[in-house]
Amino acid sequence: MALIFYPHLEDAQRGSLEDRIETLMEAAERYKAIIMDEAHRSIDTKRTIPRDQTSAYNWEEIARVLREIRELSEATKPDKARKAALLTKLSEVYEVLRAAKMSKLEAVRLALINESAHLKG
């Protein structure tokens, strides 16, 4: 069985940072739905093992977007506000992924929120 990555590469590399974060969010929601469905089915049968997985999240794309956000200028107040807003939106993607049985992502989500708050304040 082939492993499906979310988001798809051709979708994740198009548009502005805002568009790409939205693509990451949609992919995270689809991935979460699949993981929750697999977890529900594994309760009835057995534990899910890696070879039984049908999907995976494309961490390279989320890392690329995070890197691009961190490289944005902080020279003016509007630049800082935009960067803070992007970090907040990205933290929401991590929140969805955390809910997909990835509890260790909570630390990353909180770090993004703190970085965003620092830029705002």
Protein backbone atom coordinates (compact mmCIF):
# COMPACT_ATOMS: atom_id res chain seq x y z
CA MET A 1 0.00 0.00 0.00
CA ALA A 2 1.40 3.43 -0.97
CA LEU A 3 1.96 6.07 1.67
CA ILE A 4 0.14 9.35 0.99
CA PHE A 5 1.81 12.55 2.20
CA TYR A 6 -0.20 15.58 3.30
CA PRO A 7 0.09 18.26 2.01
CA HIS A 8 0.91 17.25 -1.54
CA LEU A 9 4.10 18.90 -2.79
CA GLU A 10 2.45 20.59 -5.75
CA ASP A 11 -0.12 22.22 -3.43
CA ALA A 12 2.25 23.23 -0.65
CA GLN A 13 4.66 25.25 -2.73
CA ARG A 14 2.20 27.65 -4.39
CA GLY A 15 1.06 31.12 -3.33
CA SER A 16 1.92 33.57 -0.59
CA LEU A 17 2.91 32.51 2.91
CA GLU A 18 -0.68 33.04 4.02
CA ASP A 19 -1.93 30.75 1.24
CA ARG A 20 0.67 28.11 2.04
CA ILE A 21 -0.22 28.14 5.74
CA GLU A 22 -3.87 27.67 4.76
CA THR A 23 -2.81 24.71 2.60
CA LEU A 24 -0.88 23.28 5.57
CA MET A 25 -3.97 23.70 7.76
CA GLU A 26 -6.25 21.92 5.30
CA ALA A 27 -3.72 19.11 4.96
CA ALA A 28 -3.39 18.85 8.74
CA GLU A 29 -7.15 18.53 9.09
CA ARG A 30 -7.30 15.79 6.43
CA TYR A 31 -4.35 14.00 8.05
CA LYS A 32 -5.99 14.23 11.48
CA ALA A 33 -9.22 12.75 10.14
CA ILE A 34 -7.34 9.82 8.63
CA ILE A 35 -5.30 9.21 11.79
CA MET A 36 -8.37 9.35 14.00
CA ASP A 37 -10.18 6.93 11.69
CA GLU A 38 -7.22 4.53 11.74
CA ALA A 39 -7.04 4.80 15.53
CA HIS A 40 -10.74 4.04 15.79
CA ARG A 41 -10.37 0.97 13.57
CA SER A 42 -7.27 -0.23 15.46
CA ILE A 43 -9.23 -0.27 18.72
CA ASP A 44 -11.38 -2.98 17.22
CA THR A 45 -8.50 -5.02 15.83
CA LYS A 46 -4.97 -4.29 17.03
CA ARG A 47 -2.49 -1.49 17.55
CA THR A 48 -1.44 0.47 14.49
CA ILE A 49 2.13 -0.18 13.45
CA PRO A 50 4.14 1.92 10.96
CA ARG A 51 3.72 -0.45 8.04
CA ASP A 52 -0.06 -0.21 8.44
CA GLN A 53 -0.07 3.57 8.09
CA THR A 54 -1.64 4.89 4.94
CA SER A 55 -0.66 8.54 5.36
CA ALA A 56 2.02 10.82 6.73
CA TYR A 57 2.38 14.55 7.25
CA ASN A 58 4.94 16.28 5.05
CA TRP A 59 7.15 17.87 7.71
CA GLU A 60 9.52 19.30 5.12
CA GLU A 61 6.85 21.72 3.94
CA ILE A 62 5.90 22.94 7.41
CA ALA A 63 9.60 23.41 8.21
CA ARG A 64 10.10 25.38 4.98
CA VAL A 65 7.23 27.73 5.83
CA LEU A 66 8.50 28.20 9.40
CA ARG A 67 11.97 29.01 8.08
CA GLU A 68 10.56 31.57 5.65
CA ILE A 69 8.51 33.20 8.41
CA ARG A 70 11.52 33.42 10.70
CA GLU A 71 13.54 35.04 7.90
CA LEU A 72 10.96 37.83 7.45
CA SER A 73 12.00 41.34 8.36
CA GLU A 74 11.13 42.83 11.74
CA ALA A 75 12.22 46.36 10.80
CA THR A 76 8.84 48.07 11.16
CA LYS A 77 5.78 47.63 13.32
CA PRO A 78 3.65 46.29 10.39
CA ASP A 79 6.42 43.78 9.59
CA LYS A 80 6.40 42.56 13.17
CA ALA A 81 2.60 42.35 13.19
CA ARG A 82 2.54 40.31 9.97
CA LYS A 83 5.23 37.97 11.25
CA ALA A 84 3.37 37.53 14.55
CA ALA A 85 0.12 36.79 12.72
CA LEU A 86 1.83 34.20 10.51
CA LEU A 87 3.40 32.50 13.54
CA THR A 88 0.01 32.41 15.26
CA LYS A 89 -1.62 30.83 12.19
CA LEU A 90 1.21 28.29 11.98
CA SER A 91 0.74 27.43 15.67
CA GLU A 92 -2.87 26.57 14.81
CA VAL A 93 -1.60 24.02 12.28
CA TYR A 94 0.49 22.46 15.05
CA GLU A 95 -2.61 22.40 17.26
CA VAL A 96 -4.49 20.33 14.67
CA LEU A 97 -1.53 17.99 14.28
CA ARG A 98 -1.20 17.66 18.05
CA ALA A 99 -4.80 16.51 18.14
CA ALA A 100 -3.87 13.81 15.59
CA LYS A 101 -2.18 11.72 18.27
CA MET A 102 1.01 13.86 18.27
CA SER A 103 0.95 15.24 21.79
CA LYS A 104 4.65 16.18 21.77
CA LEU A 105 3.87 18.98 19.31
CA GLU A 106 2.34 21.00 22.14
CA ALA A 107 5.81 22.34 23.03
CA VAL A 108 6.36 23.56 19.48
CA ARG A 109 2.93 25.16 19.38
CA LEU A 110 3.56 27.00 22.65
CA ALA A 111 6.97 28.18 21.43
CA LEU A 112 5.36 29.64 18.29
CA ILE A 113 2.70 31.38 20.36
CA ASN A 114 5.37 32.83 22.69
CA GLU A 115 7.42 34.05 19.74
CA SER A 116 4.31 35.66 18.26
CA ALA A 117 3.46 37.36 21.57
CA HIS A 118 7.02 38.63 21.87
CA LEU A 119 6.77 40.22 18.42
CA LYS A 120 3.42 41.82 19.27
CA GLY A 121 4.60 43.18 22.62
